[in-house]
Amino acid sequence: MCFCVLLFIGSLALLKWYEQDMDAFIGILFAGSLVLLYMVWSAYRYFRPGLETRTVMLGGWTHRLYLRSRPLFLLCTGSISAVVVLVVKLLFDWMEKGSVEGLWADYFDVKFLVFLAFCFVAGAAKSYGEFASYYKWLRTQK
């Protein structure tokens, strides 16, 4: 999963390099470096021994969904992340423009849809990583 995200970001960066769009290329490299840092931190948290604070809430709806259906868990947590980003952008655009007329035309831009897909994947990966790390830690305590 993480390799696929890095491969996607790398191919997108190479495409922008080929098109000579340096602003987009630098932005993609910056986003890719953030993704890489997050993946390294997640791998470190997953493989390090010892006690650490847990960020999962046992007994909540996400926990029950994680236990029953992992694909549905990824779909729901990713969708929540994407909707939060969409609502925040909608609020900022609404405050900037002062009305909601014609506001949705900007949301079907390819760059924004790619960003929204990235937020979907990042939110799902973050939630899944937290639960997977918790259950790995739980297995080592027995």
N, C-alpha and C. Protein backbone atom coordinates (compact mmCIF):
# COMPACT_ATOMS: atom_id res chain seq x y z
N MET A 1 0.83 -1.19 0.00
CA MET A 1 0.00 0.00 0.00
C MET A 1 0.87 1.25 0.00
N CYS A 2 1.83 1.31 0.93
CA CYS A 2 2.69 2.49 1.02
C CYS A 2 3.56 2.62 -0.22
N PHE A 3 4.02 1.50 -0.75
CA PHE A 3 4.83 1.54 -1.95
C PHE A 3 4.01 2.06 -3.13
N CYS A 4 2.73 1.69 -3.20
CA CYS A 4 1.86 2.16 -4.28
C CYS A 4 1.66 3.67 -4.20
N VAL A 5 1.51 4.21 -2.99
CA VAL A 5 1.34 5.65 -2.83
C VAL A 5 2.60 6.37 -3.27
N LEU A 6 3.77 5.88 -2.87
CA LEU A 6 5.03 6.50 -3.29
C LEU A 6 5.23 6.37 -4.80
N LEU A 7 4.84 5.25 -5.37
CA LEU A 7 4.95 5.07 -6.81
C LEU A 7 4.04 6.05 -7.55
N PHE A 8 2.84 6.25 -7.05
CA PHE A 8 1.91 7.20 -7.65
C PHE A 8 2.45 8.62 -7.58
N ILE A 9 2.97 9.02 -6.42
CA ILE A 9 3.51 10.37 -6.26
C ILE A 9 4.74 10.56 -7.14
N GLY A 10 5.58 9.54 -7.21
CA GLY A 10 6.76 9.63 -8.07
C GLY A 10 6.41 9.75 -9.54
N SER A 11 5.43 8.97 -10.00
CA SER A 11 5.03 9.05 -11.41
C SER A 11 4.37 10.39 -11.71
N LEU A 12 3.61 10.92 -10.78
CA LEU A 12 3.01 12.24 -10.96
C LEU A 12 4.09 13.33 -11.01
N ALA A 13 5.11 13.20 -10.17
CA ALA A 13 6.22 14.17 -10.18
C ALA A 13 6.98 14.09 -11.50
N LEU A 14 7.23 12.88 -12.00
CA LEU A 14 7.93 12.75 -13.29
C LEU A 14 7.11 13.32 -14.44
N LEU A 15 5.80 13.16 -14.37
CA LEU A 15 4.93 13.73 -15.40
C LEU A 15 5.02 15.25 -15.39
N LYS A 16 5.00 15.85 -14.22
CA LYS A 16 5.10 17.31 -14.12
C LYS A 16 6.50 17.79 -14.53
N TRP A 17 7.53 17.01 -14.26
CA TRP A 17 8.89 17.36 -14.69
C TRP A 17 8.96 17.35 -16.22
N TYR A 18 8.34 16.33 -16.81
CA TYR A 18 8.33 16.23 -18.27
C TYR A 18 7.56 17.37 -18.90
N GLU A 19 6.47 17.82 -18.26
CA GLU A 19 5.66 18.92 -18.78
C GLU A 19 6.25 20.29 -18.46
N GLN A 20 7.38 20.32 -17.74
CA GLN A 20 8.06 21.55 -17.34
C GLN A 20 7.19 22.44 -16.44
N ASP A 21 6.34 21.84 -15.63
CA ASP A 21 5.52 22.58 -14.67
C ASP A 21 6.23 22.50 -13.31
N MET A 22 7.15 23.43 -13.10
CA MET A 22 8.03 23.36 -11.93
C MET A 22 7.29 23.65 -10.61
N ASP A 23 6.28 24.53 -10.65
CA ASP A 23 5.54 24.80 -9.41
C ASP A 23 4.83 23.54 -8.92
N ALA A 24 4.17 22.85 -9.83
CA ALA A 24 3.49 21.61 -9.45
C ALA A 24 4.50 20.53 -9.07
N PHE A 25 5.63 20.49 -9.76
CA PHE A 25 6.66 19.50 -9.46
C PHE A 25 7.20 19.68 -8.04
N ILE A 26 7.48 20.92 -7.66
CA ILE A 26 7.99 21.18 -6.32
C ILE A 26 6.93 20.87 -5.26
N GLY A 27 5.68 21.21 -5.54
CA GLY A 27 4.60 20.88 -4.62
C GLY A 27 4.43 19.38 -4.43
N ILE A 28 4.53 18.64 -5.54
CA ILE A 28 4.41 17.19 -5.46
C ILE A 28 5.58 16.59 -4.70
N LEU A 29 6.78 17.11 -4.93
CA LEU A 29 7.94 16.62 -4.18
C LEU A 29 7.79 16.91 -2.69
N PHE A 30 7.27 18.08 -2.35
CA PHE A 30 7.04 18.41 -0.95
C PHE A 30 6.02 17.46 -0.33
N ALA A 31 4.92 17.23 -1.03
CA ALA A 31 3.90 16.31 -0.53
C ALA A 31 4.46 14.89 -0.42
N GLY A 32 5.26 14.49 -1.41
CA GLY A 32 5.87 13.16 -1.37
C GLY A 32 6.83 13.00 -0.21
N SER A 33 7.57 14.07 0.10
CA SER A 33 8.49 13.97 1.24
C SER A 33 7.71 13.88 2.55
N LEU A 34 6.57 14.57 2.63
CA LEU A 34 5.74 14.45 3.83
C LEU A 34 5.18 13.03 3.97
N VAL A 35 4.74 12.46 2.86
CA VAL A 35 4.23 11.08 2.88
C VAL A 35 5.34 10.12 3.28
N LEU A 36 6.53 10.32 2.75
CA LEU A 36 7.65 9.45 3.09
C LEU A 36 8.00 9.56 4.57
N LEU A 37 8.03 10.78 5.10
CA LEU A 37 8.31 10.95 6.53
C LEU A 37 7.24 10.28 7.39
N TYR A 38 5.97 10.42 6.99
CA TYR A 38 4.90 9.79 7.75
C TYR A 38 5.02 8.26 7.70
N MET A 39 5.39 7.72 6.54
CA MET A 39 5.51 6.27 6.42
C MET A 39 6.68 5.76 7.25
N VAL A 40 7.79 6.50 7.28
CA VAL A 40 8.93 6.09 8.10
C VAL A 40 8.56 6.13 9.58
N TRP A 41 7.86 7.19 10.00
CA TRP A 41 7.43 7.29 11.39
C TRP A 41 6.46 6.15 11.75
N SER A 42 5.54 5.84 10.84
CA SER A 42 4.59 4.74 11.10
C SER A 42 5.31 3.41 11.20
N ALA A 43 6.28 3.17 10.33
CA ALA A 43 7.04 1.92 10.39
C ALA A 43 7.84 1.85 11.69
N TYR A 44 8.41 2.97 12.10
CA TYR A 44 9.15 3.00 13.36
C TYR A 44 8.22 2.70 14.53
N ARG A 45 7.03 3.30 14.54
CA ARG A 45 6.08 3.05 15.62
C ARG A 45 5.61 1.60 15.61
N TYR A 46 5.48 1.02 14.42
CA TYR A 46 4.98 -0.34 14.32
C TYR A 46 6.01 -1.35 14.81
N PHE A 47 7.27 -1.14 14.49
CA PHE A 47 8.29 -2.14 14.79
C PHE A 47 9.04 -1.91 16.09
N ARG A 48 8.90 -0.76 16.72
CA ARG A 48 9.67 -0.54 17.94
C ARG A 48 9.05 -1.29 19.11
N PRO A 49 9.88 -1.82 19.96
CA PRO A 49 9.35 -2.51 21.14
C PRO A 49 9.04 -1.50 22.24
N GLY A 50 8.26 -1.92 23.17
CA GLY A 50 8.01 -1.08 24.33
C GLY A 50 6.61 -0.50 24.37
N LEU A 51 6.33 0.08 25.51
CA LEU A 51 5.01 0.64 25.74
C LEU A 51 4.93 2.04 25.16
N GLU A 52 3.83 2.36 24.56
CA GLU A 52 3.59 3.70 24.04
C GLU A 52 2.11 4.02 24.22
N THR A 53 1.78 5.25 24.09
CA THR A 53 0.38 5.63 24.24
C THR A 53 -0.40 5.15 23.03
N ARG A 54 -1.59 4.71 23.27
CA ARG A 54 -2.45 4.21 22.20
C ARG A 54 -3.48 5.26 21.85
N THR A 55 -3.80 5.37 20.58
CA THR A 55 -4.76 6.37 20.14
C THR A 55 -6.05 5.74 19.64
N VAL A 56 -6.27 4.48 19.91
CA VAL A 56 -7.49 3.83 19.46
C VAL A 56 -8.51 3.84 20.60
N MET A 57 -9.78 3.93 20.21
CA MET A 57 -10.85 3.88 21.20
C MET A 57 -11.56 2.54 21.04
N LEU A 58 -11.38 1.69 22.02
CA LEU A 58 -11.98 0.37 21.96
C LEU A 58 -13.46 0.48 22.26
N GLY A 59 -14.26 -0.26 21.52
CA GLY A 59 -15.69 -0.27 21.73
C GLY A 59 -16.44 0.74 20.88
N GLY A 60 -15.74 1.61 20.19
CA GLY A 60 -16.38 2.58 19.31
C GLY A 60 -16.80 1.93 18.00
N TRP A 61 -17.49 2.71 17.18
CA TRP A 61 -17.97 2.14 15.92
C TRP A 61 -16.82 1.82 14.97
N THR A 62 -15.74 2.60 15.03
CA THR A 62 -14.61 2.29 14.15
C THR A 62 -13.91 1.00 14.58
N HIS A 63 -13.87 0.77 15.88
CA HIS A 63 -13.25 -0.46 16.38
C HIS A 63 -14.08 -1.68 15.97
N ARG A 64 -15.39 -1.58 16.11
CA ARG A 64 -16.26 -2.69 15.69
C ARG A 64 -16.17 -2.92 14.19
N LEU A 65 -16.08 -1.82 13.44
CA LEU A 65 -15.96 -1.95 11.99
C LEU A 65 -14.62 -2.56 11.60
N TYR A 66 -13.56 -2.20 12.31
CA TYR A 66 -12.24 -2.78 12.05
C TYR A 66 -12.25 -4.28 12.29
N LEU A 67 -12.93 -4.72 13.35
CA LEU A 67 -12.96 -6.14 13.67
C LEU A 67 -13.82 -6.93 12.69
N ARG A 68 -14.88 -6.34 12.19
CA ARG A 68 -15.82 -7.08 11.34
C ARG A 68 -15.48 -7.03 9.86
N SER A 69 -15.11 -5.85 9.36
CA SER A 69 -14.89 -5.72 7.92
C SER A 69 -13.79 -4.68 7.65
N ARG A 70 -12.61 -5.15 7.36
CA ARG A 70 -11.49 -4.24 7.12
C ARG A 70 -11.71 -3.36 5.88
N PRO A 71 -12.20 -3.92 4.74
CA PRO A 71 -12.43 -3.03 3.59
C PRO A 71 -13.45 -1.93 3.87
N LEU A 72 -14.51 -2.27 4.59
CA LEU A 72 -15.50 -1.26 4.93
C LEU A 72 -14.93 -0.24 5.92
N PHE A 73 -14.05 -0.70 6.81
CA PHE A 73 -13.37 0.21 7.74
C PHE A 73 -12.52 1.20 6.97
N LEU A 74 -11.75 0.72 5.99
CA LEU A 74 -10.91 1.61 5.19
C LEU A 74 -11.77 2.59 4.39
N LEU A 75 -12.88 2.12 3.85
CA LEU A 75 -13.76 2.98 3.08
C LEU A 75 -14.37 4.07 3.96
N CYS A 76 -14.83 3.71 5.13
CA CYS A 76 -15.46 4.70 6.02
C CYS A 76 -14.45 5.71 6.56
N THR A 77 -13.31 5.26 7.04
CA THR A 77 -12.35 6.21 7.61
C THR A 77 -11.75 7.10 6.54
N GLY A 78 -11.50 6.56 5.35
CA GLY A 78 -11.01 7.38 4.26
C GLY A 78 -12.05 8.40 3.81
N SER A 79 -13.31 7.98 3.76
CA SER A 79 -14.38 8.90 3.37
C SER A 79 -14.54 10.02 4.38
N ILE A 80 -14.41 9.71 5.64
CA ILE A 80 -14.52 10.75 6.67
C ILE A 80 -13.40 11.78 6.50
N SER A 81 -12.20 11.33 6.24
CA SER A 81 -11.09 12.26 6.02
C SER A 81 -11.33 13.15 4.80
N ALA A 82 -11.79 12.55 3.72
CA ALA A 82 -12.03 13.32 2.50
C ALA A 82 -13.18 14.31 2.69
N VAL A 83 -14.22 13.91 3.40
CA VAL A 83 -15.35 14.82 3.64
C VAL A 83 -14.93 15.98 4.54
N VAL A 84 -14.11 15.72 5.53
CA VAL A 84 -13.63 16.80 6.40
C VAL A 84 -12.83 17.82 5.59
N VAL A 85 -11.95 17.34 4.71
CA VAL A 85 -11.17 18.25 3.86
C VAL A 85 -12.10 19.03 2.93
N LEU A 86 -13.08 18.36 2.36
CA LEU A 86 -14.03 19.02 1.46
C LEU A 86 -14.83 20.10 2.18
N VAL A 87 -15.29 19.82 3.38
CA VAL A 87 -16.07 20.80 4.14
C VAL A 87 -15.21 21.99 4.55
N VAL A 88 -13.98 21.74 4.96
CA VAL A 88 -13.09 22.84 5.33
C VAL A 88 -12.80 23.73 4.13
N LYS A 89 -12.54 23.12 2.97
CA LYS A 89 -12.30 23.92 1.77
C LYS A 89 -13.55 24.68 1.37
N LEU A 90 -14.70 24.06 1.49
CA LEU A 90 -15.96 24.73 1.18
C LEU A 90 -16.18 25.94 2.09
N LEU A 91 -15.90 25.79 3.37
CA LEU A 91 -16.06 26.90 4.30
C LEU A 91 -15.10 28.05 3.99
N PHE A 92 -13.83 27.72 3.69
CA PHE A 92 -12.87 28.77 3.37
C PHE A 92 -13.24 29.47 2.06
N ASP A 93 -13.68 28.71 1.07
CA ASP A 93 -14.10 29.34 -0.19
C ASP A 93 -15.34 30.19 0.00
N TRP A 94 -16.25 29.72 0.82
CA TRP A 94 -17.47 30.48 1.09
C TRP A 94 -17.15 31.79 1.82
N MET A 95 -16.21 31.74 2.76
CA MET A 95 -15.82 32.97 3.46
C MET A 95 -15.10 33.92 2.52
N GLU A 96 -14.34 33.39 1.57
CA GLU A 96 -13.60 34.24 0.64
C GLU A 96 -14.51 34.88 -0.40
N LYS A 97 -15.43 34.10 -0.97
CA LYS A 97 -16.29 34.60 -2.05
C LYS A 97 -17.57 35.23 -1.54
N GLY A 98 -18.02 34.86 -0.37
CA GLY A 98 -19.21 35.47 0.20
C GLY A 98 -20.52 34.84 -0.21
N SER A 99 -20.52 33.94 -1.16
CA SER A 99 -21.75 33.26 -1.56
C SER A 99 -21.41 31.86 -2.01
N VAL A 100 -22.44 31.07 -2.22
CA VAL A 100 -22.20 29.69 -2.64
C VAL A 100 -22.51 29.47 -4.11
N GLU A 101 -22.82 30.54 -4.85
CA GLU A 101 -23.12 30.41 -6.27
C GLU A 101 -21.87 30.05 -7.05
N GLY A 102 -21.97 29.04 -7.86
CA GLY A 102 -20.85 28.63 -8.71
C GLY A 102 -19.65 28.09 -7.95
N LEU A 103 -19.84 27.72 -6.69
CA LEU A 103 -18.73 27.28 -5.87
C LEU A 103 -18.24 25.89 -6.23
N TRP A 104 -19.14 25.04 -6.73
CA TRP A 104 -18.79 23.66 -7.00
C TRP A 104 -17.99 23.48 -8.28
N ALA A 105 -17.91 24.52 -9.12
CA ALA A 105 -17.16 24.38 -10.37
C ALA A 105 -15.68 24.14 -10.12
N ASP A 106 -15.13 24.73 -9.07
CA ASP A 106 -13.71 24.55 -8.76
C ASP A 106 -13.40 23.17 -8.17
N TYR A 107 -14.42 22.49 -7.68
CA TYR A 107 -14.19 21.23 -6.99
C TYR A 107 -14.00 20.05 -7.94
N PHE A 108 -14.27 20.24 -9.20
CA PHE A 108 -14.09 19.15 -10.15
C PHE A 108 -12.79 19.30 -10.94
N ASP A 109 -11.91 20.16 -10.44
CA ASP A 109 -10.58 20.30 -11.02
C ASP A 109 -9.78 19.04 -10.69
N VAL A 110 -8.95 18.60 -11.63
CA VAL A 110 -8.21 17.35 -11.47
C VAL A 110 -7.25 17.43 -10.28
N LYS A 111 -6.62 18.58 -10.10
CA LYS A 111 -5.68 18.73 -8.99
C LYS A 111 -6.38 18.57 -7.64
N PHE A 112 -7.56 19.16 -7.52
CA PHE A 112 -8.28 19.03 -6.25
C PHE A 112 -8.77 17.61 -6.04
N LEU A 113 -9.21 16.95 -7.10
CA LEU A 113 -9.67 15.57 -6.96
C LEU A 113 -8.52 14.63 -6.58
N VAL A 114 -7.32 14.90 -7.12
CA VAL A 114 -6.15 14.10 -6.73
C VAL A 114 -5.82 14.35 -5.27
N PHE A 115 -5.90 15.61 -4.85
CA PHE A 115 -5.65 15.95 -3.45
C PHE A 115 -6.68 15.28 -2.54
N LEU A 116 -7.94 15.28 -2.98
CA LEU A 116 -8.99 14.63 -2.19
C LEU A 116 -8.76 13.13 -2.11
N ALA A 117 -8.31 12.51 -3.19
CA ALA A 117 -8.00 11.08 -3.17
C ALA A 117 -6.82 10.81 -2.24
N PHE A 118 -5.83 11.70 -2.25
CA PHE A 118 -4.70 11.56 -1.34
C PHE A 118 -5.17 11.64 0.11
N CYS A 119 -6.08 12.57 0.42
CA CYS A 119 -6.61 12.70 1.77
C CYS A 119 -7.39 11.44 2.17
N PHE A 120 -8.10 10.86 1.21
CA PHE A 120 -8.83 9.62 1.46
C PHE A 120 -7.87 8.50 1.85
N VAL A 121 -6.82 8.33 1.05
CA VAL A 121 -5.85 7.26 1.31
C VAL A 121 -5.09 7.51 2.61
N ALA A 122 -4.70 8.77 2.85
CA ALA A 122 -3.96 9.09 4.06
C ALA A 122 -4.81 8.86 5.31
N GLY A 123 -6.08 9.25 5.28
CA GLY A 123 -6.95 9.04 6.43
C GLY A 123 -7.19 7.57 6.71
N ALA A 124 -7.40 6.80 5.64
CA ALA A 124 -7.62 5.36 5.82
C ALA A 124 -6.34 4.69 6.33
N ALA A 125 -5.19 5.07 5.78
CA ALA A 125 -3.92 4.46 6.20
C ALA A 125 -3.59 4.81 7.65
N LYS A 126 -3.89 6.04 8.05
CA LYS A 126 -3.62 6.45 9.43
C LYS A 126 -4.47 5.64 10.41
N SER A 127 -5.75 5.55 10.14
CA SER A 127 -6.63 4.80 11.03
C SER A 127 -6.27 3.32 11.07
N TYR A 128 -6.01 2.75 9.91
CA TYR A 128 -5.65 1.34 9.86
C TYR A 128 -4.34 1.08 10.58
N GLY A 129 -3.39 1.97 10.40
CA GLY A 129 -2.10 1.83 11.07
C GLY A 129 -2.20 1.88 12.57
N GLU A 130 -3.09 2.74 13.08
CA GLU A 130 -3.27 2.83 14.53
C GLU A 130 -3.83 1.54 15.10
N PHE A 131 -4.87 1.00 14.45
CA PHE A 131 -5.45 -0.24 14.95
C PHE A 131 -4.50 -1.42 14.76
N ALA A 132 -3.81 -1.48 13.63
CA ALA A 132 -2.86 -2.58 13.40
C ALA A 132 -1.72 -2.53 14.41
N SER A 133 -1.25 -1.34 14.72
CA SER A 133 -0.19 -1.19 15.71
C SER A 133 -0.67 -1.61 17.10
N TYR A 134 -1.90 -1.26 17.42
CA TYR A 134 -2.45 -1.65 18.72
C TYR A 134 -2.55 -3.16 18.84
N TYR A 135 -3.08 -3.81 17.81
CA TYR A 135 -3.25 -5.26 17.89
C TYR A 135 -1.92 -5.99 17.82
N LYS A 136 -0.92 -5.43 17.16
CA LYS A 136 0.40 -6.04 17.17
C LYS A 136 1.00 -5.93 18.58
N TRP A 137 0.83 -4.78 19.20
CA TRP A 137 1.32 -4.59 20.56
C TRP A 137 0.61 -5.55 21.51
N LEU A 138 -0.70 -5.75 21.30
CA LEU A 138 -1.47 -6.64 22.15
C LEU A 138 -0.97 -8.08 22.01
N ARG A 139 -0.62 -8.50 20.81
CA ARG A 139 -0.10 -9.87 20.60
C ARG A 139 1.24 -10.06 21.29
N THR A 140 2.07 -9.02 21.35
CA THR A 140 3.38 -9.18 21.97
C THR A 140 3.28 -9.18 23.50
N GLN A 141 2.17 -8.74 24.06
CA GLN A 141 2.02 -8.69 25.52
C GLN A 141 1.59 -10.02 26.11
N LYS A 142 1.18 -10.97 25.28
CA LYS A 142 0.72 -12.27 25.79
C LYS A 142 1.86 -13.19 26.05
